[in-house]
Amino acid sequence: MCELIPYDRRFRDGVIAVVRAVHDEYGFSWDEAGYHRDLYEIDRAYLRAGGAFWVLVDGPRVIGCVGVTVHDASNPAHDPQGDVAAERPAGFRYCELHRLYLDSAYRGRRLGRRMLDAAMDFGRAHGCTRMIAWSDVKLPHAHRMYLDAGLVQCGSRICDDPDKATEYGFWKEPL
């Protein structure tokens, strides 16, 4: 039975292993000191910053993960509708989805959607009215999941990852 639980440090190596396996599967580069640094410092990057991070476990094994961060109107930089976001009123809060990864052996069971729903629920509970997500163009199954969950594809960017990959932007409002 798979269980979605809040992250704690004992899961660090399992999270890194799952994300790295997906990166290897799709031919993405790994950059421990740069782009992937957040995975080595989840407490700092997510939890102490007011966000959340969960692991999906099957018994003792980490099989998936997802993170979310919360931002206000003063930080529209990551929003795929950047110009629109810059016009948001004071007090506007949005959340950003991060690091939604699932072991390939567990795909097709709606477990990714379960993690996405947890992140959206967290955003709502923290006063966010919008969720944004960025996803590599090579991940069409993730894009379908986002669209099925009510997110809208909007815009693209060149990621600051080692591959300078193109990513599609997604957003959902109201959350």
N, C-alpha and C. Protein backbone atom coordinates (compact mmCIF):
# COMPACT_ATOMS: atom_id res chain seq x y z
N MET A 1 0.85 -1.19 0.00
CA MET A 1 0.00 0.00 0.00
C MET A 1 0.89 1.25 0.00
N CYS A 2 0.66 2.13 -0.93
CA CYS A 2 1.45 3.36 -1.04
C CYS A 2 0.87 4.43 -0.13
N GLU A 3 1.76 5.15 0.54
CA GLU A 3 1.34 6.17 1.48
C GLU A 3 2.09 7.47 1.18
N LEU A 4 1.35 8.58 1.16
CA LEU A 4 1.94 9.90 0.96
C LEU A 4 2.14 10.54 2.32
N ILE A 5 3.39 10.83 2.67
CA ILE A 5 3.69 11.35 4.00
C ILE A 5 4.63 12.55 3.90
N PRO A 6 4.60 13.41 4.92
CA PRO A 6 5.51 14.56 4.92
C PRO A 6 6.97 14.10 4.93
N TYR A 7 7.79 14.85 4.24
CA TYR A 7 9.22 14.57 4.17
C TYR A 7 9.87 14.73 5.53
N ASP A 8 10.82 13.86 5.82
CA ASP A 8 11.80 14.11 6.87
C ASP A 8 13.14 13.57 6.37
N ARG A 9 14.19 13.93 7.05
CA ARG A 9 15.56 13.69 6.55
C ARG A 9 15.88 12.23 6.26
N ARG A 10 15.21 11.31 6.90
CA ARG A 10 15.52 9.90 6.64
C ARG A 10 15.18 9.49 5.21
N PHE A 11 14.37 10.32 4.51
CA PHE A 11 13.97 10.01 3.14
C PHE A 11 14.87 10.67 2.08
N ARG A 12 15.84 11.44 2.51
CA ARG A 12 16.66 12.22 1.57
C ARG A 12 17.25 11.36 0.45
N ASP A 13 17.92 10.31 0.79
CA ASP A 13 18.57 9.48 -0.23
C ASP A 13 17.55 8.83 -1.16
N GLY A 14 16.40 8.45 -0.62
CA GLY A 14 15.35 7.87 -1.45
C GLY A 14 14.78 8.87 -2.44
N VAL A 15 14.59 10.11 -2.00
CA VAL A 15 14.12 11.17 -2.90
C VAL A 15 15.12 11.37 -4.03
N ILE A 16 16.37 11.51 -3.68
CA ILE A 16 17.42 11.72 -4.69
C ILE A 16 17.44 10.54 -5.67
N ALA A 17 17.30 9.33 -5.17
CA ALA A 17 17.33 8.15 -6.04
C ALA A 17 16.17 8.14 -7.03
N VAL A 18 14.97 8.50 -6.57
CA VAL A 18 13.81 8.52 -7.47
C VAL A 18 13.98 9.59 -8.54
N VAL A 19 14.34 10.79 -8.13
CA VAL A 19 14.49 11.88 -9.10
C VAL A 19 15.61 11.57 -10.08
N ARG A 20 16.70 11.05 -9.57
CA ARG A 20 17.82 10.72 -10.45
C ARG A 20 17.46 9.61 -11.43
N ALA A 21 16.70 8.63 -11.01
CA ALA A 21 16.28 7.55 -11.91
C ALA A 21 15.42 8.09 -13.05
N VAL A 22 14.53 9.02 -12.74
CA VAL A 22 13.70 9.62 -13.80
C VAL A 22 14.57 10.46 -14.72
N HIS A 23 15.51 11.19 -14.16
CA HIS A 23 16.43 11.95 -15.01
C HIS A 23 17.23 11.04 -15.93
N ASP A 24 17.71 9.93 -15.41
CA ASP A 24 18.43 8.97 -16.25
C ASP A 24 17.52 8.40 -17.33
N GLU A 25 16.29 8.09 -16.97
CA GLU A 25 15.31 7.54 -17.91
C GLU A 25 15.11 8.46 -19.11
N TYR A 26 15.08 9.76 -18.87
CA TYR A 26 14.82 10.73 -19.94
C TYR A 26 16.08 11.38 -20.49
N GLY A 27 17.24 10.99 -20.00
CA GLY A 27 18.48 11.54 -20.51
C GLY A 27 18.80 12.94 -20.03
N PHE A 28 18.25 13.33 -18.87
CA PHE A 28 18.53 14.65 -18.31
C PHE A 28 19.83 14.60 -17.51
N SER A 29 20.57 15.70 -17.54
CA SER A 29 21.82 15.81 -16.78
C SER A 29 21.53 16.00 -15.29
N TRP A 30 22.54 15.73 -14.48
CA TRP A 30 22.43 15.88 -13.02
C TRP A 30 23.45 16.91 -12.56
N ASP A 31 23.03 17.81 -11.67
CA ASP A 31 23.90 18.88 -11.17
C ASP A 31 23.67 19.05 -9.67
N GLU A 32 24.36 18.25 -8.88
CA GLU A 32 24.17 18.24 -7.43
C GLU A 32 24.40 19.61 -6.79
N ALA A 33 25.40 20.33 -7.24
CA ALA A 33 25.75 21.61 -6.62
C ALA A 33 24.91 22.78 -7.12
N GLY A 34 24.18 22.59 -8.20
CA GLY A 34 23.41 23.68 -8.78
C GLY A 34 21.92 23.36 -8.85
N TYR A 35 21.48 22.95 -10.02
CA TYR A 35 20.05 22.78 -10.28
C TYR A 35 19.36 21.80 -9.33
N HIS A 36 20.05 20.79 -8.87
CA HIS A 36 19.44 19.79 -7.99
C HIS A 36 19.78 19.99 -6.51
N ARG A 37 20.37 21.12 -6.20
CA ARG A 37 20.79 21.38 -4.82
C ARG A 37 19.62 21.31 -3.84
N ASP A 38 18.43 21.73 -4.27
CA ASP A 38 17.27 21.71 -3.38
C ASP A 38 16.98 20.31 -2.85
N LEU A 39 17.30 19.28 -3.62
CA LEU A 39 17.03 17.90 -3.19
C LEU A 39 17.97 17.46 -2.07
N TYR A 40 19.09 18.11 -1.97
CA TYR A 40 20.05 17.80 -0.91
C TYR A 40 19.80 18.66 0.33
N GLU A 41 18.93 19.66 0.18
CA GLU A 41 18.62 20.61 1.26
C GLU A 41 17.12 20.88 1.32
N ILE A 42 16.32 19.84 1.36
CA ILE A 42 14.86 19.99 1.31
C ILE A 42 14.34 20.81 2.48
N ASP A 43 14.91 20.62 3.66
CA ASP A 43 14.48 21.43 4.81
C ASP A 43 14.59 22.92 4.50
N ARG A 44 15.73 23.33 3.98
CA ARG A 44 15.95 24.75 3.67
C ARG A 44 15.11 25.21 2.49
N ALA A 45 15.12 24.44 1.42
CA ALA A 45 14.49 24.87 0.17
C ALA A 45 12.97 24.89 0.22
N TYR A 46 12.39 24.05 1.03
CA TYR A 46 10.92 23.93 1.06
C TYR A 46 10.34 24.19 2.44
N LEU A 47 10.73 23.41 3.41
CA LEU A 47 10.06 23.44 4.71
C LEU A 47 10.29 24.73 5.47
N ARG A 48 11.54 25.16 5.61
CA ARG A 48 11.82 26.41 6.33
C ARG A 48 11.40 27.64 5.54
N ALA A 49 11.17 27.47 4.25
CA ALA A 49 10.74 28.58 3.39
C ALA A 49 9.22 28.73 3.36
N GLY A 50 8.51 27.94 4.16
CA GLY A 50 7.05 28.04 4.23
C GLY A 50 6.32 27.13 3.25
N GLY A 51 7.04 26.27 2.58
CA GLY A 51 6.42 25.34 1.66
C GLY A 51 6.26 23.97 2.28
N ALA A 52 6.15 22.97 1.42
CA ALA A 52 5.98 21.60 1.89
C ALA A 52 6.65 20.65 0.91
N PHE A 53 6.93 19.46 1.39
CA PHE A 53 7.51 18.42 0.55
C PHE A 53 7.01 17.09 1.11
N TRP A 54 6.57 16.22 0.20
CA TRP A 54 6.06 14.91 0.59
C TRP A 54 6.82 13.82 -0.14
N VAL A 55 6.80 12.65 0.46
CA VAL A 55 7.31 11.46 -0.21
C VAL A 55 6.17 10.46 -0.31
N LEU A 56 6.17 9.74 -1.40
CA LEU A 56 5.26 8.63 -1.59
C LEU A 56 6.07 7.37 -1.34
N VAL A 57 5.65 6.58 -0.36
CA VAL A 57 6.41 5.39 0.00
C VAL A 57 5.57 4.14 -0.21
N ASP A 58 6.26 3.09 -0.56
CA ASP A 58 5.68 1.75 -0.61
C ASP A 58 6.48 0.94 0.39
N GLY A 59 5.92 0.79 1.59
CA GLY A 59 6.69 0.22 2.69
C GLY A 59 7.80 1.19 3.04
N PRO A 60 9.03 0.72 3.13
CA PRO A 60 10.13 1.62 3.48
C PRO A 60 10.73 2.35 2.27
N ARG A 61 10.28 2.02 1.07
CA ARG A 61 10.91 2.53 -0.15
C ARG A 61 10.23 3.80 -0.66
N VAL A 62 11.02 4.83 -0.94
CA VAL A 62 10.51 6.05 -1.56
C VAL A 62 10.28 5.76 -3.04
N ILE A 63 9.05 6.00 -3.51
CA ILE A 63 8.72 5.76 -4.92
C ILE A 63 8.29 7.03 -5.64
N GLY A 64 8.13 8.12 -4.89
CA GLY A 64 7.74 9.38 -5.51
C GLY A 64 7.95 10.53 -4.56
N CYS A 65 7.85 11.74 -5.11
CA CYS A 65 8.00 12.94 -4.28
C CYS A 65 7.34 14.11 -4.97
N VAL A 66 7.05 15.12 -4.18
CA VAL A 66 6.50 16.37 -4.70
C VAL A 66 6.75 17.48 -3.67
N GLY A 67 7.01 18.68 -4.18
CA GLY A 67 7.20 19.84 -3.32
C GLY A 67 6.34 20.99 -3.79
N VAL A 68 6.14 21.95 -2.91
CA VAL A 68 5.39 23.16 -3.25
C VAL A 68 5.98 24.32 -2.44
N THR A 69 6.06 25.48 -3.09
CA THR A 69 6.48 26.71 -2.41
C THR A 69 5.38 27.74 -2.56
N VAL A 70 5.32 28.67 -1.62
CA VAL A 70 4.30 29.71 -1.60
C VAL A 70 4.97 31.06 -1.86
N HIS A 71 4.35 31.87 -2.71
CA HIS A 71 4.89 33.17 -3.09
C HIS A 71 3.80 34.23 -3.02
N ASP A 72 4.21 35.49 -2.96
CA ASP A 72 3.23 36.57 -2.97
C ASP A 72 3.40 37.42 -4.23
N ALA A 73 2.60 38.47 -4.35
CA ALA A 73 2.58 39.29 -5.56
C ALA A 73 3.92 39.95 -5.84
N SER A 74 4.78 40.07 -4.85
CA SER A 74 6.08 40.70 -5.07
C SER A 74 7.07 39.77 -5.76
N ASN A 75 6.70 38.51 -6.00
CA ASN A 75 7.60 37.54 -6.61
C ASN A 75 6.94 36.85 -7.80
N PRO A 76 6.69 37.59 -8.90
CA PRO A 76 6.04 36.99 -10.06
C PRO A 76 7.00 36.33 -11.04
N ALA A 77 8.28 36.27 -10.70
CA ALA A 77 9.31 35.89 -11.66
C ALA A 77 9.08 34.53 -12.31
N HIS A 78 8.53 33.58 -11.60
CA HIS A 78 8.39 32.23 -12.14
C HIS A 78 7.06 31.99 -12.83
N ASP A 79 6.13 32.93 -12.72
CA ASP A 79 4.78 32.74 -13.23
C ASP A 79 4.77 32.75 -14.76
N PRO A 80 4.18 31.72 -15.41
CA PRO A 80 4.14 31.70 -16.87
C PRO A 80 3.34 32.86 -17.46
N GLN A 81 2.55 33.53 -16.64
CA GLN A 81 1.86 34.74 -17.08
C GLN A 81 2.48 35.94 -16.38
N GLY A 82 3.80 36.06 -16.46
CA GLY A 82 4.55 37.06 -15.71
C GLY A 82 3.99 38.46 -15.74
N ASP A 83 3.61 38.97 -16.91
CA ASP A 83 3.08 40.33 -16.99
C ASP A 83 1.78 40.46 -16.23
N VAL A 84 0.91 39.47 -16.35
CA VAL A 84 -0.36 39.49 -15.63
C VAL A 84 -0.10 39.39 -14.14
N ALA A 85 0.82 38.51 -13.75
CA ALA A 85 1.12 38.32 -12.33
C ALA A 85 1.65 39.60 -11.70
N ALA A 86 2.39 40.40 -12.46
CA ALA A 86 2.95 41.63 -11.92
C ALA A 86 1.85 42.62 -11.53
N GLU A 87 0.66 42.45 -12.10
CA GLU A 87 -0.45 43.35 -11.81
C GLU A 87 -1.32 42.86 -10.66
N ARG A 88 -0.95 41.79 -10.01
CA ARG A 88 -1.76 41.23 -8.94
C ARG A 88 -1.78 42.17 -7.74
N PRO A 89 -2.90 42.17 -7.03
CA PRO A 89 -3.01 43.06 -5.86
C PRO A 89 -2.15 42.59 -4.70
N ALA A 90 -1.85 43.52 -3.82
CA ALA A 90 -1.14 43.16 -2.59
C ALA A 90 -1.96 42.10 -1.86
N GLY A 91 -1.30 41.17 -1.25
CA GLY A 91 -1.99 40.09 -0.56
C GLY A 91 -2.21 38.86 -1.42
N PHE A 92 -2.00 39.00 -2.74
CA PHE A 92 -2.15 37.85 -3.64
C PHE A 92 -1.07 36.82 -3.32
N ARG A 93 -1.47 35.57 -3.22
CA ARG A 93 -0.53 34.48 -2.94
C ARG A 93 -0.74 33.39 -3.98
N TYR A 94 0.36 32.85 -4.45
CA TYR A 94 0.29 31.72 -5.36
C TYR A 94 1.30 30.67 -4.92
N CYS A 95 1.11 29.47 -5.40
CA CYS A 95 2.05 28.40 -5.07
C CYS A 95 2.64 27.83 -6.35
N GLU A 96 3.83 27.29 -6.21
CA GLU A 96 4.53 26.68 -7.34
C GLU A 96 4.82 25.22 -7.03
N LEU A 97 4.46 24.37 -7.96
CA LEU A 97 4.72 22.94 -7.86
C LEU A 97 6.17 22.66 -8.21
N HIS A 98 6.79 21.77 -7.45
CA HIS A 98 8.19 21.39 -7.70
C HIS A 98 8.36 19.89 -7.56
N ARG A 99 9.27 19.35 -8.33
CA ARG A 99 9.84 18.01 -8.13
C ARG A 99 8.81 16.89 -8.01
N LEU A 100 7.77 16.93 -8.86
CA LEU A 100 6.82 15.82 -8.86
C LEU A 100 7.42 14.70 -9.72
N TYR A 101 7.88 13.67 -9.06
CA TYR A 101 8.51 12.52 -9.73
C TYR A 101 7.94 11.24 -9.17
N LEU A 102 7.84 10.23 -10.04
CA LEU A 102 7.31 8.93 -9.65
C LEU A 102 8.11 7.83 -10.32
N ASP A 103 8.49 6.84 -9.54
CA ASP A 103 9.18 5.66 -10.06
C ASP A 103 8.38 5.07 -11.23
N SER A 104 9.06 4.72 -12.29
CA SER A 104 8.39 4.25 -13.51
C SER A 104 7.52 3.02 -13.27
N ALA A 105 7.88 2.17 -12.33
CA ALA A 105 7.10 0.95 -12.06
C ALA A 105 5.74 1.25 -11.43
N TYR A 106 5.53 2.48 -10.96
CA TYR A 106 4.30 2.83 -10.27
C TYR A 106 3.40 3.77 -11.09
N ARG A 107 3.80 4.08 -12.28
CA ARG A 107 3.00 4.99 -13.11
C ARG A 107 1.73 4.30 -13.60
N GLY A 108 0.74 5.12 -13.92
CA GLY A 108 -0.53 4.60 -14.42
C GLY A 108 -1.50 4.20 -13.33
N ARG A 109 -1.22 4.53 -12.09
CA ARG A 109 -2.08 4.17 -10.95
C ARG A 109 -2.67 5.41 -10.27
N ARG A 110 -2.55 6.56 -10.90
CA ARG A 110 -3.05 7.84 -10.38
C ARG A 110 -2.29 8.31 -9.13
N LEU A 111 -1.10 7.77 -8.93
CA LEU A 111 -0.30 8.18 -7.78
C LEU A 111 0.30 9.57 -7.99
N GLY A 112 0.65 9.89 -9.23
CA GLY A 112 1.12 11.23 -9.53
C GLY A 112 0.03 12.25 -9.25
N ARG A 113 -1.20 11.93 -9.63
CA ARG A 113 -2.33 12.82 -9.37
C ARG A 113 -2.54 12.98 -7.86
N ARG A 114 -2.36 11.92 -7.13
CA ARG A 114 -2.49 12.00 -5.67
C ARG A 114 -1.49 13.00 -5.09
N MET A 115 -0.26 12.99 -5.60
CA MET A 115 0.74 13.94 -5.13
C MET A 115 0.39 15.36 -5.56
N LEU A 116 -0.06 15.53 -6.80
CA LEU A 116 -0.48 16.84 -7.28
C LEU A 116 -1.62 17.39 -6.43
N ASP A 117 -2.61 16.56 -6.13
CA ASP A 117 -3.73 17.00 -5.31
C ASP A 117 -3.28 17.45 -3.93
N ALA A 118 -2.31 16.75 -3.34
CA ALA A 118 -1.79 17.15 -2.03
C ALA A 118 -1.15 18.53 -2.10
N ALA A 119 -0.41 18.79 -3.17
CA ALA A 119 0.22 20.10 -3.33
C ALA A 119 -0.83 21.20 -3.53
N MET A 120 -1.87 20.91 -4.32
CA MET A 120 -2.93 21.91 -4.51
C MET A 120 -3.67 22.15 -3.21
N ASP A 121 -3.96 21.10 -2.45
CA ASP A 121 -4.62 21.27 -1.15
C ASP A 121 -3.78 22.13 -0.21
N PHE A 122 -2.47 21.92 -0.20
CA PHE A 122 -1.58 22.74 0.62
C PHE A 122 -1.68 24.21 0.21
N GLY A 123 -1.64 24.46 -1.09
CA GLY A 123 -1.75 25.83 -1.57
C GLY A 123 -3.04 26.49 -1.12
N ARG A 124 -4.15 25.80 -1.29
CA ARG A 124 -5.44 26.34 -0.85
C ARG A 124 -5.43 26.64 0.65
N ALA A 125 -4.92 25.71 1.43
CA ALA A 125 -4.90 25.87 2.89
C ALA A 125 -4.01 27.03 3.32
N HIS A 126 -3.10 27.46 2.45
CA HIS A 126 -2.20 28.57 2.77
C HIS A 126 -2.56 29.85 2.02
N GLY A 127 -3.82 29.96 1.61
CA GLY A 127 -4.33 31.19 1.03
C GLY A 127 -3.94 31.46 -0.40
N CYS A 128 -3.46 30.45 -1.10
CA CYS A 128 -3.08 30.64 -2.50
C CYS A 128 -4.31 30.51 -3.39
N THR A 129 -4.39 31.38 -4.38
CA THR A 129 -5.50 31.31 -5.32
C THR A 129 -5.06 30.82 -6.69
N ARG A 130 -3.77 30.58 -6.85
CA ARG A 130 -3.24 30.10 -8.13
C ARG A 130 -2.10 29.13 -7.86
N MET A 131 -2.01 28.14 -8.74
CA MET A 131 -0.85 27.24 -8.74
C MET A 131 -0.18 27.36 -10.09
N ILE A 132 1.15 27.37 -10.09
CA ILE A 132 1.91 27.31 -11.33
C ILE A 132 2.81 26.09 -11.30
N ALA A 133 3.16 25.64 -12.49
CA ALA A 133 4.07 24.50 -12.62
C ALA A 133 4.84 24.66 -13.91
N TRP A 134 6.05 24.18 -13.92
CA TRP A 134 6.88 24.13 -15.12
C TRP A 134 7.27 22.68 -15.35
N SER A 135 7.26 22.25 -16.61
CA SER A 135 7.53 20.85 -16.90
C SER A 135 8.27 20.71 -18.23
N ASP A 136 9.33 19.92 -18.23
CA ASP A 136 10.12 19.69 -19.43
C ASP A 136 9.23 19.20 -20.57
N VAL A 137 9.50 19.68 -21.77
CA VAL A 137 8.68 19.31 -22.93
C VAL A 137 8.72 17.81 -23.21
N LYS A 138 9.69 17.09 -22.65
CA LYS A 138 9.82 15.65 -22.88
C LYS A 138 8.91 14.81 -21.98
N LEU A 139 8.05 15.46 -21.20
CA LEU A 139 7.23 14.74 -20.22
C LEU A 139 5.73 14.85 -20.52
N PRO A 140 5.27 14.34 -21.66
CA PRO A 140 3.86 14.52 -22.05
C PRO A 140 2.86 13.86 -21.10
N HIS A 141 3.24 12.79 -20.41
CA HIS A 141 2.31 12.16 -19.47
C HIS A 141 2.05 13.09 -18.28
N ALA A 142 3.07 13.79 -17.83
CA ALA A 142 2.89 14.76 -16.76
C ALA A 142 1.99 15.90 -17.24
N HIS A 143 2.19 16.34 -18.47
CA HIS A 143 1.38 17.43 -19.01
C HIS A 143 -0.09 17.03 -19.06
N ARG A 144 -0.36 15.80 -19.46
CA ARG A 144 -1.75 15.31 -19.52
C ARG A 144 -2.35 15.32 -18.12
N MET A 145 -1.58 14.89 -17.12
CA MET A 145 -2.07 14.89 -15.74
C MET A 145 -2.40 16.31 -15.29
N TYR A 146 -1.53 17.27 -15.59
CA TYR A 146 -1.79 18.66 -15.21
C TYR A 146 -3.07 19.16 -15.87
N LEU A 147 -3.22 18.90 -17.15
CA LEU A 147 -4.42 19.34 -17.86
C LEU A 147 -5.66 18.68 -17.29
N ASP A 148 -5.59 17.39 -17.01
CA ASP A 148 -6.73 16.67 -16.43
C ASP A 148 -7.11 17.22 -15.05
N ALA A 149 -6.14 17.79 -14.34
CA ALA A 149 -6.39 18.37 -13.02
C ALA A 149 -6.89 19.81 -13.10
N GLY A 150 -7.05 20.32 -14.32
CA GLY A 150 -7.58 21.67 -14.49
C GLY A 150 -6.54 22.75 -14.69
N LEU A 151 -5.26 22.39 -14.76
CA LEU A 151 -4.25 23.39 -15.08
C LEU A 151 -4.32 23.69 -16.57
N VAL A 152 -3.92 24.87 -16.95
CA VAL A 152 -3.93 25.32 -18.33
C VAL A 152 -2.48 25.51 -18.78
N GLN A 153 -2.16 25.02 -19.96
CA GLN A 153 -0.81 25.23 -20.48
C GLN A 153 -0.69 26.66 -20.98
N CYS A 154 0.39 27.33 -20.58
CA CYS A 154 0.55 28.74 -20.92
C CYS A 154 2.03 29.10 -20.94
N GLY A 155 2.57 29.32 -22.10
CA GLY A 155 3.93 29.80 -22.19
C GLY A 155 4.98 28.71 -22.12
N SER A 156 6.20 29.13 -22.34
CA SER A 156 7.35 28.23 -22.24
C SER A 156 8.55 29.06 -21.81
N ARG A 157 9.60 28.38 -21.41
CA ARG A 157 10.83 29.05 -21.00
C ARG A 157 12.00 28.10 -21.22
N ILE A 158 13.18 28.66 -21.19
CA ILE A 158 14.39 27.86 -21.16
C ILE A 158 14.77 27.73 -19.69
N CYS A 159 14.87 26.52 -19.23
CA CYS A 159 15.15 26.24 -17.82
C CYS A 159 16.61 26.54 -17.50
N ASP A 160 16.88 26.79 -16.23
CA ASP A 160 18.26 27.02 -15.80
C ASP A 160 18.94 25.71 -15.39
N ASP A 161 18.44 24.59 -15.90
CA ASP A 161 19.07 23.30 -15.61
C ASP A 161 20.31 23.12 -16.49
N PRO A 162 21.12 22.08 -16.26
CA PRO A 162 22.35 21.90 -17.04
C PRO A 162 22.13 21.71 -18.53
N ASP A 163 20.94 21.24 -18.91
CA ASP A 163 20.64 20.98 -20.32
C ASP A 163 20.02 22.18 -21.03
N LYS A 164 19.71 23.23 -20.28
CA LYS A 164 19.02 24.40 -20.85
C LYS A 164 17.76 23.94 -21.60
N ALA A 165 17.01 23.07 -20.95
CA ALA A 165 15.82 22.44 -21.54
C ALA A 165 14.68 23.44 -21.68
N THR A 166 13.84 23.19 -22.65
CA THR A 166 12.61 23.96 -22.80
C THR A 166 11.55 23.35 -21.89
N GLU A 167 10.84 24.20 -21.17
CA GLU A 167 9.76 23.77 -20.30
C GLU A 167 8.48 24.49 -20.68
N TYR A 168 7.36 23.78 -20.54
CA TYR A 168 6.04 24.39 -20.69
C TYR A 168 5.58 24.88 -19.33
N GLY A 169 4.88 26.02 -19.34
CA GLY A 169 4.28 26.54 -18.12
C GLY A 169 2.84 26.08 -18.01
N PHE A 170 2.38 25.89 -16.79
CA PHE A 170 0.99 25.51 -16.50
C PHE A 170 0.52 26.34 -15.31
N TRP A 171 -0.76 26.64 -15.27
CA TRP A 171 -1.31 27.37 -14.13
C TRP A 171 -2.75 26.96 -13.92
N LYS A 172 -3.21 27.14 -12.70
CA LYS A 172 -4.61 26.90 -12.35
C LYS A 172 -5.06 28.02 -11.45
N GLU A 173 -6.14 28.67 -11.87
CA GLU A 173 -6.72 29.75 -11.07
C GLU A 173 -8.20 29.85 -11.42
N PRO A 174 -9.11 29.79 -10.45
CA PRO A 174 -8.81 29.67 -9.03
C PRO A 174 -8.32 28.27 -8.69
N LEU A 175 -7.56 28.24 -7.65
CA LEU A 175 -6.99 26.97 -7.19
C LEU A 175 -8.06 26.21 -6.44
